Amino acid sequence: MTMLLNQLTHLRKLWGKIIQVEKDIMERDVTVNIIAQLQRLNAELKLDPYMLRFTVASSVDRAALQLIHRPSVGCNNQL
């Protein structure tokens, strides 16, 4: 019985970590989308990649940062 409770506790902790990672990924995606929209509105917008601190460190984050710093294509927002 104790072993089963230990396993359930372990699984509960793992699910908590998984949920936190999912939340972090969603926050990162929202941030990347907002920045991309702002860059479409203002092609001269420059961001320091170190200003963006995501809690999930992975190749996904590096890919997200590359998307943020991609050049704008076909921007028609000339004033």
C-alpha atoms as a PDB file:
ATOM      1  CA  MET A   1       0.000   0.000   0.000  1.00  0.00           C
ATOM      2  CA  THR A   2       2.833   2.401   0.887  1.00  0.00           C
ATOM      3  CA  MET A   3       4.534   1.647  -2.419  1.00  0.00           C
ATOM      4  CA  LEU A   4       1.340   2.473  -4.298  1.00  0.00           C
ATOM      5  CA  LEU A   5       0.982   5.767  -2.416  1.00  0.00           C
ATOM      6  CA  ASN A   6       4.601   6.643  -3.206  1.00  0.00           C
ATOM      7  CA  GLN A   7       4.015   5.932  -6.884  1.00  0.00           C
ATOM      8  CA  LEU A   8       0.851   8.036  -6.903  1.00  0.00           C
ATOM      9  CA  THR A   9       2.691  10.898  -5.204  1.00  0.00           C
ATOM     10  CA  HIS A  10       5.474  10.627  -7.770  1.00  0.00           C
ATOM     11  CA  LEU A  11       2.966  10.633 -10.641  1.00  0.00           C
ATOM     12  CA  ARG A  12       1.199  13.652  -9.158  1.00  0.00           C
ATOM     13  CA  LYS A  13       4.524  15.537  -9.041  1.00  0.00           C
ATOM     14  CA  LEU A  14       5.305  14.558 -12.630  1.00  0.00           C
ATOM     15  CA  TRP A  15       1.894  15.764 -13.816  1.00  0.00           C
ATOM     16  CA  GLY A  16       2.478  19.035 -11.980  1.00  0.00           C
ATOM     17  CA  LYS A  17       5.771  19.488 -13.827  1.00  0.00           C
ATOM     18  CA  ILE A  18       4.180  18.605 -17.160  1.00  0.00           C
ATOM     19  CA  ILE A  19       1.382  21.119 -16.599  1.00  0.00           C
ATOM     20  CA  GLN A  20       3.908  23.830 -15.681  1.00  0.00           C
ATOM     21  CA  VAL A  21       5.924  23.143 -18.842  1.00  0.00           C
ATOM     22  CA  GLU A  22       2.746  23.345 -20.930  1.00  0.00           C
ATOM     23  CA  LYS A  23       1.858  26.685 -19.311  1.00  0.00           C
ATOM     24  CA  ASP A  24       5.374  28.000 -19.958  1.00  0.00           C
ATOM     25  CA  ILE A  25       5.175  26.956 -23.602  1.00  0.00           C
ATOM     26  CA  MET A  26       1.794  28.675 -24.023  1.00  0.00           C
ATOM     27  CA  GLU A  27       3.152  31.870 -22.433  1.00  0.00           C
ATOM     28  CA  ARG A  28       6.164  31.767 -24.749  1.00  0.00           C
ATOM     29  CA  ASP A  29       3.949  31.230 -27.798  1.00  0.00           C
ATOM     30  CA  VAL A  30       1.730  34.167 -26.847  1.00  0.00           C
ATOM     31  CA  THR A  31       4.811  36.357 -26.339  1.00  0.00           C
ATOM     32  CA  VAL A  32       6.279  35.346 -29.704  1.00  0.00           C
ATOM     33  CA  ASN A  33       2.960  36.022 -31.461  1.00  0.00           C
ATOM     34  CA  ILE A  34       2.591  39.455 -29.867  1.00  0.00           C
ATOM     35  CA  ILE A  35       6.148  40.402 -30.804  1.00  0.00           C
ATOM     36  CA  ALA A  36       5.614  39.192 -34.378  1.00  0.00           C
ATOM     37  CA  GLN A  37       2.466  41.338 -34.634  1.00  0.00           C
ATOM     38  CA  LEU A  38       4.311  44.363 -33.259  1.00  0.00           C
ATOM     39  CA  GLN A  39       7.122  43.835 -35.760  1.00  0.00           C
ATOM     40  CA  ARG A  40       4.589  43.690 -38.594  1.00  0.00           C
ATOM     41  CA  LEU A  41       3.260  47.056 -37.436  1.00  0.00           C
ATOM     42  CA  ASN A  42       6.750  48.510 -37.029  1.00  0.00           C
ATOM     43  CA  ALA A  43       9.414  46.860 -39.206  1.00  0.00           C
ATOM     44  CA  GLU A  44      12.145  48.822 -37.403  1.00  0.00           C
ATOM     45  CA  LEU A  45      11.299  47.301 -34.024  1.00  0.00           C
ATOM     46  CA  LYS A  46      14.467  45.743 -32.609  1.00  0.00           C
ATOM     47  CA  LEU A  47      14.517  43.454 -29.594  1.00  0.00           C
ATOM     48  CA  ASP A  48      17.343  42.225 -27.441  1.00  0.00           C
ATOM     49  CA  PRO A  49      16.936  38.421 -27.267  1.00  0.00           C
ATOM     50  CA  TYR A  50      18.206  38.499 -23.683  1.00  0.00           C
ATOM     51  CA  MET A  51      15.180  40.586 -22.680  1.00  0.00           C
ATOM     52  CA  LEU A  52      13.040  37.521 -23.271  1.00  0.00           C
ATOM     53  CA  ARG A  53      13.493  35.043 -20.468  1.00  0.00           C
ATOM     54  CA  PHE A  54      11.546  31.856 -21.003  1.00  0.00           C
ATOM     55  CA  THR A  55      11.498  29.290 -18.232  1.00  0.00           C
ATOM     56  CA  VAL A  56      11.661  26.303 -20.554  1.00  0.00           C
ATOM     57  CA  ALA A  57      15.174  26.134 -21.976  1.00  0.00           C
ATOM     58  CA  SER A  58      15.243  24.024 -25.110  1.00  0.00           C
ATOM     59  CA  SER A  59      15.795  24.050 -28.833  1.00  0.00           C
ATOM     60  CA  VAL A  60      12.156  25.141 -29.092  1.00  0.00           C
ATOM     61  CA  ASP A  61      13.087  28.395 -27.337  1.00  0.00           C
ATOM     62  CA  ARG A  62      15.986  28.980 -29.706  1.00  0.00           C
ATOM     63  CA  ALA A  63      13.624  28.421 -32.633  1.00  0.00           C
ATOM     64  CA  ALA A  64      11.169  30.901 -31.111  1.00  0.00           C
ATOM     65  CA  LEU A  65      13.899  33.517 -30.749  1.00  0.00           C
ATOM     66  CA  GLN A  66      14.918  32.970 -34.364  1.00  0.00           C
ATOM     67  CA  LEU A  67      11.312  33.566 -35.419  1.00  0.00           C
ATOM     68  CA  ILE A  68      11.264  36.815 -33.447  1.00  0.00           C
ATOM     69  CA  HIS A  69      14.376  38.083 -35.217  1.00  0.00           C
ATOM     70  CA  ARG A  70      13.401  37.060 -38.722  1.00  0.00           C
ATOM     71  CA  PRO A  71      13.200  39.935 -41.186  1.00  0.00           C
ATOM     72  CA  SER A  72       9.740  41.206 -42.008  1.00  0.00           C
ATOM     73  CA  VAL A  73       8.590  40.220 -45.466  1.00  0.00           C
ATOM     74  CA  GLY A  74       6.051  42.202 -47.405  1.00  0.00           C
ATOM     75  CA  CYS A  75       5.375  44.836 -44.774  1.00  0.00           C
ATOM     76  CA  ASN A  76       2.953  47.425 -46.168  1.00  0.00           C
ATOM     77  CA  ASN A  77       2.836  49.594 -43.065  1.00  0.00           C
ATOM     78  CA  GLN A  78       4.626  52.608 -44.466  1.00  0.00           C
ATOM     79  CA  LEU A  79       3.754  55.926 -42.896  1.00  0.00           C
END
